[in-house]
């Protein structure tokens, strides 16, 4: 179409398409949420403290973002169901985050986009 311009950067287009995968779940997805999901996916499973350190985020910010990825958005809306948060059996004060089946499917979709020629 005349409105759709010629693509000038295929890598950036892939990033745009990946972000749209998250927006399919919630149109108001902030970049921090995508970063937290990608950190968990790349360190699956991981402690919430590892996310704080790895992304230089506050505990409150990590908690808010993992709640959104889990099952309850901080505003009372349903979460995305992409991760599970559970108590660490070795230290009940710590929480471990891991991908759900839905989260694993999203990782596959992301990798398929990244691996396109």
C-alpha atoms as a PDB file:
ATOM      1  CA  UNK A   1       0.000   0.000   0.000  1.00  0.00           C
ATOM      2  CA  UNK A   2       1.212   3.567  -0.540  1.00  0.00           C
ATOM      3  CA  UNK A   3       0.868   4.314   3.184  1.00  0.00           C
ATOM      4  CA  UNK A   4       3.225   1.497   4.183  1.00  0.00           C
ATOM      5  CA  UNK A   5       6.724   2.752   3.456  1.00  0.00           C
ATOM      6  CA  UNK A   6       9.587   0.631   2.171  1.00  0.00           C
ATOM      7  CA  UNK A   7      11.259  -1.224   5.050  1.00  0.00           C
ATOM      8  CA  UNK A   8      14.701   0.190   5.764  1.00  0.00           C
ATOM      9  CA  UNK A   9      15.759  -1.898   8.801  1.00  0.00           C
ATOM     10  CA  UNK A  10      14.595  -5.507   9.058  1.00  0.00           C
ATOM     11  CA  UNK A  11      16.041  -5.989  12.572  1.00  0.00           C
ATOM     12  CA  UNK A  12      14.033  -3.074  13.947  1.00  0.00           C
ATOM     13  CA  UNK A  13      10.936  -4.439  12.197  1.00  0.00           C
ATOM     14  CA  UNK A  14      11.469  -7.756  14.018  1.00  0.00           C
ATOM     15  CA  UNK A  15      11.642  -5.902  17.333  1.00  0.00           C
ATOM     16  CA  UNK A  16       8.421  -4.095  16.473  1.00  0.00           C
ATOM     17  CA  UNK A  17       6.695  -7.405  15.669  1.00  0.00           C
ATOM     18  CA  UNK A  18       7.943  -8.936  18.938  1.00  0.00           C
ATOM     19  CA  UNK A  19       6.560  -5.993  20.902  1.00  0.00           C
ATOM     20  CA  UNK A  20       3.240  -6.510  19.132  1.00  0.00           C
ATOM     21  CA  UNK A  21       3.131 -10.100  20.475  1.00  0.00           C
ATOM     22  CA  UNK A  22       3.001  -8.579  23.967  1.00  0.00           C
ATOM     23  CA  UNK A  23       0.464  -5.944  22.911  1.00  0.00           C
ATOM     24  CA  UNK A  24      -1.838  -8.761  21.770  1.00  0.00           C
ATOM     25  CA  UNK A  25      -2.062  -9.703  25.454  1.00  0.00           C
ATOM     26  CA  UNK A  26      -2.388  -6.124  26.736  1.00  0.00           C
ATOM     27  CA  UNK A  27      -2.208  -2.997  24.562  1.00  0.00           C
ATOM     28  CA  UNK A  28      -0.634  -0.958  27.376  1.00  0.00           C
ATOM     29  CA  UNK A  29       2.530  -3.067  27.719  1.00  0.00           C
ATOM     30  CA  UNK A  30       5.482  -0.932  28.870  1.00  0.00           C
ATOM     31  CA  UNK A  31       9.063  -1.648  27.844  1.00  0.00           C
ATOM     32  CA  UNK A  32       9.979  -2.611  31.426  1.00  0.00           C
ATOM     33  CA  UNK A  33       7.516  -5.475  31.288  1.00  0.00           C
ATOM     34  CA  UNK A  34       9.075  -6.822  28.095  1.00  0.00           C
ATOM     35  CA  UNK A  35      12.539  -6.534  29.680  1.00  0.00           C
ATOM     36  CA  UNK A  36      11.439  -8.453  32.792  1.00  0.00           C
ATOM     37  CA  UNK A  37       9.851 -11.191  30.670  1.00  0.00           C
ATOM     38  CA  UNK A  38      13.002 -11.506  28.539  1.00  0.00           C
ATOM     39  CA  UNK A  39      15.197 -11.659  31.652  1.00  0.00           C
ATOM     40  CA  UNK A  40      13.069 -14.455  33.126  1.00  0.00           C
ATOM     41  CA  UNK A  41      13.038 -16.309  29.796  1.00  0.00           C
ATOM     42  CA  UNK A  42      16.817 -16.057  29.533  1.00  0.00           C
ATOM     43  CA  UNK A  43      17.418 -17.179  33.150  1.00  0.00           C
ATOM     44  CA  UNK A  44      14.455 -19.572  33.561  1.00  0.00           C
ATOM     45  CA  UNK A  45      13.875 -20.083  36.480  1.00  0.00           C
ATOM     46  CA  UNK A  46      15.278 -17.124  38.419  1.00  0.00           C
ATOM     47  CA  UNK A  47      14.896 -15.307  41.705  1.00  0.00           C
ATOM     48  CA  UNK A  48      13.217 -11.916  41.754  1.00  0.00           C
ATOM     49  CA  UNK A  49      16.421 -10.505  43.305  1.00  0.00           C
ATOM     50  CA  UNK A  50      18.317 -11.615  40.181  1.00  0.00           C
ATOM     51  CA  UNK A  51      15.880  -9.583  38.057  1.00  0.00           C
ATOM     52  CA  UNK A  52      16.424  -6.558  40.311  1.00  0.00           C
ATOM     53  CA  UNK A  53      20.201  -6.832  39.952  1.00  0.00           C
ATOM     54  CA  UNK A  54      20.268  -7.827  36.288  1.00  0.00           C
ATOM     55  CA  UNK A  55      17.985  -5.007  35.143  1.00  0.00           C
ATOM     56  CA  UNK A  56      18.903  -2.432  37.832  1.00  0.00           C
ATOM     57  CA  UNK A  57      15.276  -2.204  38.935  1.00  0.00           C
ATOM     58  CA  UNK A  58      13.785  -1.579  42.374  1.00  0.00           C
ATOM     59  CA  UNK A  59      12.123  -4.443  44.253  1.00  0.00           C
ATOM     60  CA  UNK A  60       8.760  -2.640  43.904  1.00  0.00           C
ATOM     61  CA  UNK A  61       9.164  -2.319  40.143  1.00  0.00           C
ATOM     62  CA  UNK A  62      10.119  -5.976  39.753  1.00  0.00           C
ATOM     63  CA  UNK A  63       7.192  -7.024  41.932  1.00  0.00           C
ATOM     64  CA  UNK A  64       4.744  -4.877  39.940  1.00  0.00           C
ATOM     65  CA  UNK A  65       6.007  -6.195  36.592  1.00  0.00           C
ATOM     66  CA  UNK A  66       6.100  -9.846  37.664  1.00  0.00           C
ATOM     67  CA  UNK A  67       2.564  -9.530  39.046  1.00  0.00           C
ATOM     68  CA  UNK A  68       1.453  -8.298  35.601  1.00  0.00           C
ATOM     69  CA  UNK A  69       3.254 -11.205  33.909  1.00  0.00           C
ATOM     70  CA  UNK A  70       1.757 -13.597  36.489  1.00  0.00           C
ATOM     71  CA  UNK A  71      -1.976 -13.481  37.037  1.00  0.00           C
ATOM     72  CA  UNK A  72      -2.909 -10.207  38.719  1.00  0.00           C
ATOM     73  CA  UNK A  73      -2.183  -6.766  37.309  1.00  0.00           C
ATOM     74  CA  UNK A  74      -1.632  -4.131  40.015  1.00  0.00           C
ATOM     75  CA  UNK A  75      -4.762  -2.296  38.876  1.00  0.00           C
ATOM     76  CA  UNK A  76      -6.920  -5.330  39.542  1.00  0.00           C
ATOM     77  CA  UNK A  77      -7.008  -6.403  35.900  1.00  0.00           C
ATOM     78  CA  UNK A  78      -6.104  -9.980  34.986  1.00  0.00           C
ATOM     79  CA  UNK A  79      -2.417 -10.625  34.415  1.00  0.00           C
ATOM     80  CA  UNK A  80      -0.890 -12.198  31.328  1.00  0.00           C
ATOM     81  CA  UNK A  81      -0.326 -15.714  32.698  1.00  0.00           C
ATOM     82  CA  UNK A  82       3.191 -15.896  31.228  1.00  0.00           C
ATOM     83  CA  UNK A  83       5.061 -16.718  34.456  1.00  0.00           C
ATOM     84  CA  UNK A  84       4.596 -18.502  37.757  1.00  0.00           C
ATOM     85  CA  UNK A  85       5.805 -16.922  41.010  1.00  0.00           C
ATOM     86  CA  UNK A  86       6.502 -19.388  43.781  1.00  0.00           C
ATOM     87  CA  UNK A  87       8.324 -19.466  47.096  1.00  0.00           C
ATOM     88  CA  UNK A  88      11.898 -20.722  47.031  1.00  0.00           C
ATOM     89  CA  UNK A  89      11.849 -24.033  48.950  1.00  0.00           C
ATOM     90  CA  UNK A  90      15.309 -23.208  50.368  1.00  0.00           C
ATOM     91  CA  UNK A  91      14.371 -19.704  51.544  1.00  0.00           C
ATOM     92  CA  UNK A  92      10.680 -18.870  51.920  1.00  0.00           C
ATOM     93  CA  UNK A  93      11.383 -15.115  51.909  1.00  0.00           C
ATOM     94  CA  UNK A  94      12.581 -15.350  48.298  1.00  0.00           C
ATOM     95  CA  UNK A  95      10.377 -15.817  45.230  1.00  0.00           C
ATOM     96  CA  UNK A  96      11.276 -17.740  42.101  1.00  0.00           C
ATOM     97  CA  UNK A  97       9.843 -16.854  38.689  1.00  0.00           C
ATOM     98  CA  UNK A  98       9.502 -19.382  35.881  1.00  0.00           C
ATOM     99  CA  UNK A  99       7.736 -19.473  32.545  1.00  0.00           C
ATOM    100  CA  UNK A 100       4.321 -21.071  32.167  1.00  0.00           C
ATOM    101  CA  UNK A 101       3.460 -23.098  29.062  1.00  0.00           C
ATOM    102  CA  UNK A 102       1.980 -19.888  27.633  1.00  0.00           C
ATOM    103  CA  UNK A 103       5.234 -18.073  28.384  1.00  0.00           C
ATOM    104  CA  UNK A 104       7.225 -20.829  26.684  1.00  0.00           C
ATOM    105  CA  UNK A 105       4.986 -20.515  23.607  1.00  0.00           C
ATOM    106  CA  UNK A 106       5.668 -16.785  23.490  1.00  0.00           C
ATOM    107  CA  UNK A 107       9.428 -17.445  23.648  1.00  0.00           C
ATOM    108  CA  UNK A 108       9.076 -19.802  20.660  1.00  0.00           C
ATOM    109  CA  UNK A 109       7.183 -17.109  18.719  1.00  0.00           C
ATOM    110  CA  UNK A 110       9.883 -14.548  19.547  1.00  0.00           C
ATOM    111  CA  UNK A 111      12.660 -16.907  18.429  1.00  0.00           C
ATOM    112  CA  UNK A 112      10.809 -17.664  15.183  1.00  0.00           C
ATOM    113  CA  UNK A 113      10.678 -13.938  14.404  1.00  0.00           C
ATOM    114  CA  UNK A 114      14.355 -13.466  15.299  1.00  0.00           C
ATOM    115  CA  UNK A 115      15.416 -16.413  13.147  1.00  0.00           C
ATOM    116  CA  UNK A 116      13.612 -15.223  10.015  1.00  0.00           C
ATOM    117  CA  UNK A 117      15.829 -14.256   7.106  1.00  0.00           C
END
